[in-house]
Amino acid sequence: MTNETEKHQPEGAAKLVDPEKVKPLPPVEVDSTLQARGAPGQGAGARSTSEAASGKAAADRSKLPKDAEGNPRDLTVAEAKAAKEAVIEKLKTVYDPEIPVNVYELGLIYGVSVNFKGEVHVRMTLTSPACPVAGTLPGEVESKLKQVEHVTDAKVELVWDPPWTKSMMSEAAKLELNVM
């Protein structure tokens, strides 16, 4: 039962399948809810694997400046610096609902960075881990920052170290709250 194919295979190699003897597989039904949810690999509306894993949509590159052909391009150093300044100004419009001072002047913002892709990363804290807005304020900050020109995505990292103290407030915030 030696055929031409078997003669040319090295010893121990897997046997090649005779295509004439292969039966087609029955069609596979795809659960339509997978496609509706944007499950990985399920149609054009599907998100990438990394997006699906993080639960976030991709950065909106359409907000970046355009090159000569009209395609989005990375920010220049000057544009990234201007975006960072605009992000800080936007942070000054977010208020802790219990204190009439914005989160930036309160000293709740520990760091702001903007990369050349227009992605913003903010490290912030709250006045206390038991703060009633712990579940909503970081999301509000992200949402507002995404409104800034050239910001393609925003991520707020809530940190507790170092713990916030009144000494972290700006002079303007201390005057507003009469804390000296």
C-alpha atoms as a PDB file:
ATOM      1  CA  MET A   1       0.000   0.000   0.000  1.00  0.00           C
ATOM      2  CA  THR A   2       2.899   2.299  -0.734  1.00  0.00           C
ATOM      3  CA  ASN A   3       2.022   5.289  -2.870  1.00  0.00           C
ATOM      4  CA  GLU A   4       4.239   7.921  -4.458  1.00  0.00           C
ATOM      5  CA  THR A   5       3.855  10.372  -1.548  1.00  0.00           C
ATOM      6  CA  GLU A   6       4.911   7.880   1.113  1.00  0.00           C
ATOM      7  CA  LYS A   7       8.098   7.060  -0.806  1.00  0.00           C
ATOM      8  CA  HIS A   8       9.379  10.652  -0.480  1.00  0.00           C
ATOM      9  CA  GLN A   9       8.580  11.199   3.214  1.00  0.00           C
ATOM     10  CA  PRO A  10      11.336  10.910   5.809  1.00  0.00           C
ATOM     11  CA  GLU A  11      11.021   8.117   8.313  1.00  0.00           C
ATOM     12  CA  GLY A  12       8.777   9.090  11.239  1.00  0.00           C
ATOM     13  CA  ALA A  13       7.129  11.963   9.347  1.00  0.00           C
ATOM     14  CA  ALA A  14       3.374  12.356   9.539  1.00  0.00           C
ATOM     15  CA  LYS A  15       1.489  10.779   6.687  1.00  0.00           C
ATOM     16  CA  LEU A  16       0.066  13.239   4.208  1.00  0.00           C
ATOM     17  CA  VAL A  17      -3.686  13.165   3.767  1.00  0.00           C
ATOM     18  CA  ASP A  18      -5.156  12.116   0.448  1.00  0.00           C
ATOM     19  CA  PRO A  19      -7.261  15.172  -0.544  1.00  0.00           C
ATOM     20  CA  GLU A  20      -9.701  12.913  -2.406  1.00  0.00           C
ATOM     21  CA  LYS A  21     -10.607  11.167   0.855  1.00  0.00           C
ATOM     22  CA  VAL A  22     -11.157  14.343   2.931  1.00  0.00           C
ATOM     23  CA  LYS A  23     -14.800  15.094   3.709  1.00  0.00           C
ATOM     24  CA  PRO A  24     -15.835  18.739   4.104  1.00  0.00           C
ATOM     25  CA  LEU A  25     -16.707  19.831   7.645  1.00  0.00           C
ATOM     26  CA  PRO A  26     -20.274  20.914   8.376  1.00  0.00           C
ATOM     27  CA  PRO A  27     -20.805  24.693   8.629  1.00  0.00           C
ATOM     28  CA  VAL A  28     -20.228  26.178  12.077  1.00  0.00           C
ATOM     29  CA  GLU A  29     -22.937  28.357  13.580  1.00  0.00           C
ATOM     30  CA  VAL A  30     -21.661  31.484  15.316  1.00  0.00           C
ATOM     31  CA  ASP A  31     -23.537  32.760  18.340  1.00  0.00           C
ATOM     32  CA  SER A  32     -24.912  36.108  17.119  1.00  0.00           C
ATOM     33  CA  THR A  33     -24.553  37.621  20.606  1.00  0.00           C
ATOM     34  CA  LEU A  34     -20.772  37.291  20.312  1.00  0.00           C
ATOM     35  CA  GLN A  35     -20.759  39.538  17.286  1.00  0.00           C
ATOM     36  CA  ALA A  36     -23.166  41.997  18.903  1.00  0.00           C
ATOM     37  CA  ARG A  37     -20.881  42.239  21.954  1.00  0.00           C
ATOM     38  CA  GLY A  38     -17.817  42.776  19.769  1.00  0.00           C
ATOM     39  CA  ALA A  39     -16.163  39.574  20.926  1.00  0.00           C
ATOM     40  CA  PRO A  40     -12.613  39.082  19.595  1.00  0.00           C
ATOM     41  CA  GLY A  41     -12.593  37.751  16.057  1.00  0.00           C
ATOM     42  CA  GLN A  42     -16.346  38.068  15.610  1.00  0.00           C
ATOM     43  CA  GLY A  43     -16.877  40.367  12.658  1.00  0.00           C
ATOM     44  CA  ALA A  44     -16.014  43.898  11.629  1.00  0.00           C
ATOM     45  CA  GLY A  45     -17.387  45.465  14.798  1.00  0.00           C
ATOM     46  CA  ALA A  46     -15.049  43.440  16.977  1.00  0.00           C
ATOM     47  CA  ARG A  47     -12.446  45.184  19.086  1.00  0.00           C
ATOM     48  CA  SER A  48      -8.820  44.139  19.074  1.00  0.00           C
ATOM     49  CA  THR A  49      -7.684  41.575  21.631  1.00  0.00           C
ATOM     50  CA  SER A  50      -5.847  44.181  23.700  1.00  0.00           C
ATOM     51  CA  GLU A  51      -8.894  46.460  23.661  1.00  0.00           C
ATOM     52  CA  ALA A  52     -11.170  43.593  24.651  1.00  0.00           C
ATOM     53  CA  ALA A  53      -8.829  42.628  27.482  1.00  0.00           C
ATOM     54  CA  SER A  54      -8.700  46.170  28.845  1.00  0.00           C
ATOM     55  CA  GLY A  55     -12.373  46.871  28.236  1.00  0.00           C
ATOM     56  CA  LYS A  56     -11.457  50.183  26.584  1.00  0.00           C
ATOM     57  CA  ALA A  57     -11.916  51.477  23.083  1.00  0.00           C
ATOM     58  CA  ALA A  58      -8.858  52.415  21.044  1.00  0.00           C
ATOM     59  CA  ALA A  59      -7.452  55.936  21.206  1.00  0.00           C
ATOM     60  CA  ASP A  60      -9.163  58.384  18.845  1.00  0.00           C
ATOM     61  CA  ARG A  61      -6.276  59.172  16.493  1.00  0.00           C
ATOM     62  CA  SER A  62      -8.551  61.397  14.422  1.00  0.00           C
ATOM     63  CA  LYS A  63      -8.002  64.107  17.058  1.00  0.00           C
ATOM     64  CA  LEU A  64      -4.301  64.317  16.197  1.00  0.00           C
ATOM     65  CA  PRO A  65      -2.955  66.946  13.783  1.00  0.00           C
ATOM     66  CA  LYS A  66      -2.787  65.845  10.129  1.00  0.00           C
ATOM     67  CA  ASP A  67       0.260  65.390   7.919  1.00  0.00           C
ATOM     68  CA  ALA A  68       0.503  66.654   4.304  1.00  0.00           C
ATOM     69  CA  GLU A  69      -1.591  63.711   3.055  1.00  0.00           C
ATOM     70  CA  GLY A  70      -4.287  64.348   5.675  1.00  0.00           C
ATOM     71  CA  ASN A  71      -3.356  61.382   7.874  1.00  0.00           C
ATOM     72  CA  PRO A  72      -3.085  61.704  11.658  1.00  0.00           C
ATOM     73  CA  ARG A  73       0.501  62.326  12.800  1.00  0.00           C
ATOM     74  CA  ASP A  74       2.239  62.316  16.162  1.00  0.00           C
ATOM     75  CA  LEU A  75       2.356  65.511  18.174  1.00  0.00           C
ATOM     76  CA  THR A  76       5.463  67.665  18.108  1.00  0.00           C
ATOM     77  CA  VAL A  77       7.181  68.540  21.391  1.00  0.00           C
ATOM     78  CA  ALA A  78       5.539  71.984  21.335  1.00  0.00           C
ATOM     79  CA  GLU A  79       2.095  70.495  20.630  1.00  0.00           C
ATOM     80  CA  ALA A  80       2.496  67.943  23.443  1.00  0.00           C
ATOM     81  CA  LYS A  81       3.494  70.743  25.860  1.00  0.00           C
ATOM     82  CA  ALA A  82       0.475  72.807  24.768  1.00  0.00           C
ATOM     83  CA  ALA A  83      -1.765  69.768  25.213  1.00  0.00           C
ATOM     84  CA  LYS A  84      -0.400  69.253  28.728  1.00  0.00           C
ATOM     85  CA  GLU A  85      -1.143  72.887  29.596  1.00  0.00           C
ATOM     86  CA  ALA A  86      -4.672  72.480  28.198  1.00  0.00           C
ATOM     87  CA  VAL A  87      -5.104  69.299  30.258  1.00  0.00           C
ATOM     88  CA  ILE A  88      -4.097  71.173  33.416  1.00  0.00           C
ATOM     89  CA  GLU A  89      -6.560  73.957  32.598  1.00  0.00           C
ATOM     90  CA  LYS A  90      -9.287  71.318  32.100  1.00  0.00           C
ATOM     91  CA  LEU A  91      -8.380  69.718  35.455  1.00  0.00           C
ATOM     92  CA  LYS A  92      -9.068  73.111  37.026  1.00  0.00           C
ATOM     93  CA  THR A  93     -12.717  72.736  35.946  1.00  0.00           C
ATOM     94  CA  VAL A  94     -13.220  69.546  38.006  1.00  0.00           C
ATOM     95  CA  TYR A  95     -14.349  70.110  41.569  1.00  0.00           C
ATOM     96  CA  ASP A  96     -14.563  67.850  44.578  1.00  0.00           C
ATOM     97  CA  PRO A  97     -18.310  68.134  45.334  1.00  0.00           C
ATOM     98  CA  GLU A  98     -17.686  68.585  49.069  1.00  0.00           C
ATOM     99  CA  ILE A  99     -14.994  71.263  48.743  1.00  0.00           C
ATOM    100  CA  PRO A 100     -15.439  74.413  46.609  1.00  0.00           C
ATOM    101  CA  VAL A 101     -11.931  74.138  45.115  1.00  0.00           C
ATOM    102  CA  ASN A 102     -10.848  72.329  41.942  1.00  0.00           C
ATOM    103  CA  VAL A 103      -8.885  69.077  42.134  1.00  0.00           C
ATOM    104  CA  TYR A 104      -5.710  70.667  40.743  1.00  0.00           C
ATOM    105  CA  GLU A 105      -5.548  73.496  43.309  1.00  0.00           C
ATOM    106  CA  LEU A 106      -6.487  71.034  46.069  1.00  0.00           C
ATOM    107  CA  GLY A 107      -3.268  69.165  45.307  1.00  0.00           C
ATOM    108  CA  LEU A 108      -5.051  65.950  44.340  1.00  0.00           C
ATOM    109  CA  ILE A 109      -3.148  65.736  41.036  1.00  0.00           C
ATOM    110  CA  TYR A 110       0.251  64.131  41.541  1.00  0.00           C
ATOM    111  CA  GLY A 111       1.323  63.948  37.916  1.00  0.00           C
ATOM    112  CA  VAL A 112       0.229  64.730  34.351  1.00  0.00           C
ATOM    113  CA  SER A 113       1.903  63.380  31.235  1.00  0.00           C
ATOM    114  CA  VAL A 114       1.014  63.617  27.551  1.00  0.00           C
ATOM    115  CA  ASN A 115       2.811  61.458  24.996  1.00  0.00           C
ATOM    116  CA  PHE A 116       3.285  62.129  21.278  1.00  0.00           C
ATOM    117  CA  LYS A 117       0.261  59.940  20.458  1.00  0.00           C
ATOM    118  CA  GLY A 118      -1.970  62.337  22.429  1.00  0.00           C
ATOM    119  CA  GLU A 119      -2.478  59.868  25.273  1.00  0.00           C
ATOM    120  CA  VAL A 120      -2.797  61.448  28.717  1.00  0.00           C
ATOM    121  CA  HIS A 121      -1.885  59.776  31.996  1.00  0.00           C
ATOM    122  CA  VAL A 122      -2.898  61.437  35.248  1.00  0.00           C
ATOM    123  CA  ARG A 123      -1.885  60.256  38.711  1.00  0.00           C
ATOM    124  CA  MET A 124      -4.317  61.551  41.283  1.00  0.00           C
ATOM    125  CA  THR A 125      -5.489  60.907  44.803  1.00  0.00           C
ATOM    126  CA  LEU A 126      -8.506  61.837  46.857  1.00  0.00           C
ATOM    127  CA  THR A 127      -8.706  63.571  50.212  1.00  0.00           C
ATOM    128  CA  SER A 128      -9.403  60.191  51.818  1.00  0.00           C
ATOM    129  CA  PRO A 129      -9.817  56.563  50.721  1.00  0.00           C
ATOM    130  CA  ALA A 130     -13.363  56.781  52.139  1.00  0.00           C
ATOM    131  CA  CYS A 131     -14.182  59.749  49.884  1.00  0.00           C
ATOM    132  CA  PRO A 132     -17.754  59.316  48.600  1.00  0.00           C
ATOM    133  CA  VAL A 133     -16.735  60.245  45.024  1.00  0.00           C
ATOM    134  CA  ALA A 134     -13.955  57.634  44.786  1.00  0.00           C
ATOM    135  CA  GLY A 135     -16.033  55.641  42.313  1.00  0.00           C
ATOM    136  CA  THR A 136     -17.052  58.555  40.093  1.00  0.00           C
ATOM    137  CA  LEU A 137     -14.467  61.351  40.203  1.00  0.00           C
ATOM    138  CA  PRO A 138     -11.673  59.539  38.287  1.00  0.00           C
ATOM    139  CA  GLY A 139     -14.145  58.711  35.492  1.00  0.00           C
ATOM    140  CA  GLU A 140     -15.322  62.320  35.394  1.00  0.00           C
ATOM    141  CA  VAL A 141     -11.717  63.477  35.086  1.00  0.00           C
ATOM    142  CA  GLU A 142     -11.051  61.025  32.215  1.00  0.00           C
ATOM    143  CA  SER A 143     -14.202  62.122  30.419  1.00  0.00           C
ATOM    144  CA  LYS A 144     -13.321  65.825  30.664  1.00  0.00           C
ATOM    145  CA  LEU A 145      -9.727  65.262  29.544  1.00  0.00           C
ATOM    146  CA  LYS A 146     -10.890  63.456  26.406  1.00  0.00           C
ATOM    147  CA  GLN A 147     -12.561  66.741  25.382  1.00  0.00           C
ATOM    148  CA  VAL A 148      -9.202  68.521  25.151  1.00  0.00           C
ATOM    149  CA  GLU A 149      -7.828  69.190  21.665  1.00  0.00           C
ATOM    150  CA  HIS A 150      -5.281  66.567  20.523  1.00  0.00           C
ATOM    151  CA  VAL A 151      -6.074  64.246  23.458  1.00  0.00           C
ATOM    152  CA  THR A 152      -6.744  60.844  21.931  1.00  0.00           C
ATOM    153  CA  ASP A 153      -7.162  58.934  25.192  1.00  0.00           C
ATOM    154  CA  ALA A 154      -7.003  59.622  28.919  1.00  0.00           C
ATOM    155  CA  LYS A 155      -6.206  57.340  31.821  1.00  0.00           C
ATOM    156  CA  VAL A 156      -6.535  58.322  35.464  1.00  0.00           C
ATOM    157  CA  GLU A 157      -4.561  56.283  37.959  1.00  0.00           C
ATOM    158  CA  LEU A 158      -5.910  56.611  41.487  1.00  0.00           C
ATOM    159  CA  VAL A 159      -3.049  56.417  44.019  1.00  0.00           C
ATOM    160  CA  TRP A 160      -2.910  56.657  47.802  1.00  0.00           C
ATOM    161  CA  ASP A 161       0.812  57.111  48.318  1.00  0.00           C
ATOM    162  CA  PRO A 162       1.759  59.646  49.429  1.00  0.00           C
ATOM    163  CA  PRO A 163      -1.439  60.293  51.358  1.00  0.00           C
ATOM    164  CA  TRP A 164      -3.022  63.674  50.684  1.00  0.00           C
ATOM    165  CA  THR A 165      -2.568  66.385  53.307  1.00  0.00           C
ATOM    166  CA  LYS A 166      -3.668  70.019  53.478  1.00  0.00           C
ATOM    167  CA  SER A 167      -0.077  71.074  52.848  1.00  0.00           C
ATOM    168  CA  MET A 168      -0.475  69.851  49.244  1.00  0.00           C
ATOM    169  CA  MET A 169      -3.024  72.575  48.449  1.00  0.00           C
ATOM    170  CA  SER A 170      -1.982  75.587  46.418  1.00  0.00           C
ATOM    171  CA  GLU A 171      -1.791  78.983  48.136  1.00  0.00           C
ATOM    172  CA  ALA A 172      -4.980  79.988  46.279  1.00  0.00           C
ATOM    173  CA  ALA A 173      -6.823  76.937  47.638  1.00  0.00           C
ATOM    174  CA  LYS A 174      -5.589  77.605  51.170  1.00  0.00           C
ATOM    175  CA  LEU A 175      -6.825  81.211  50.937  1.00  0.00           C
ATOM    176  CA  GLU A 176     -10.182  80.081  49.515  1.00  0.00           C
ATOM    177  CA  LEU A 177     -10.671  77.582  52.339  1.00  0.00           C
ATOM    178  CA  ASN A 178      -9.077  79.836  54.981  1.00  0.00           C
ATOM    179  CA  VAL A 179      -6.448  77.196  55.774  1.00  0.00           C
ATOM    180  CA  MET A 180      -3.143  78.725  56.777  1.00  0.00           C
END
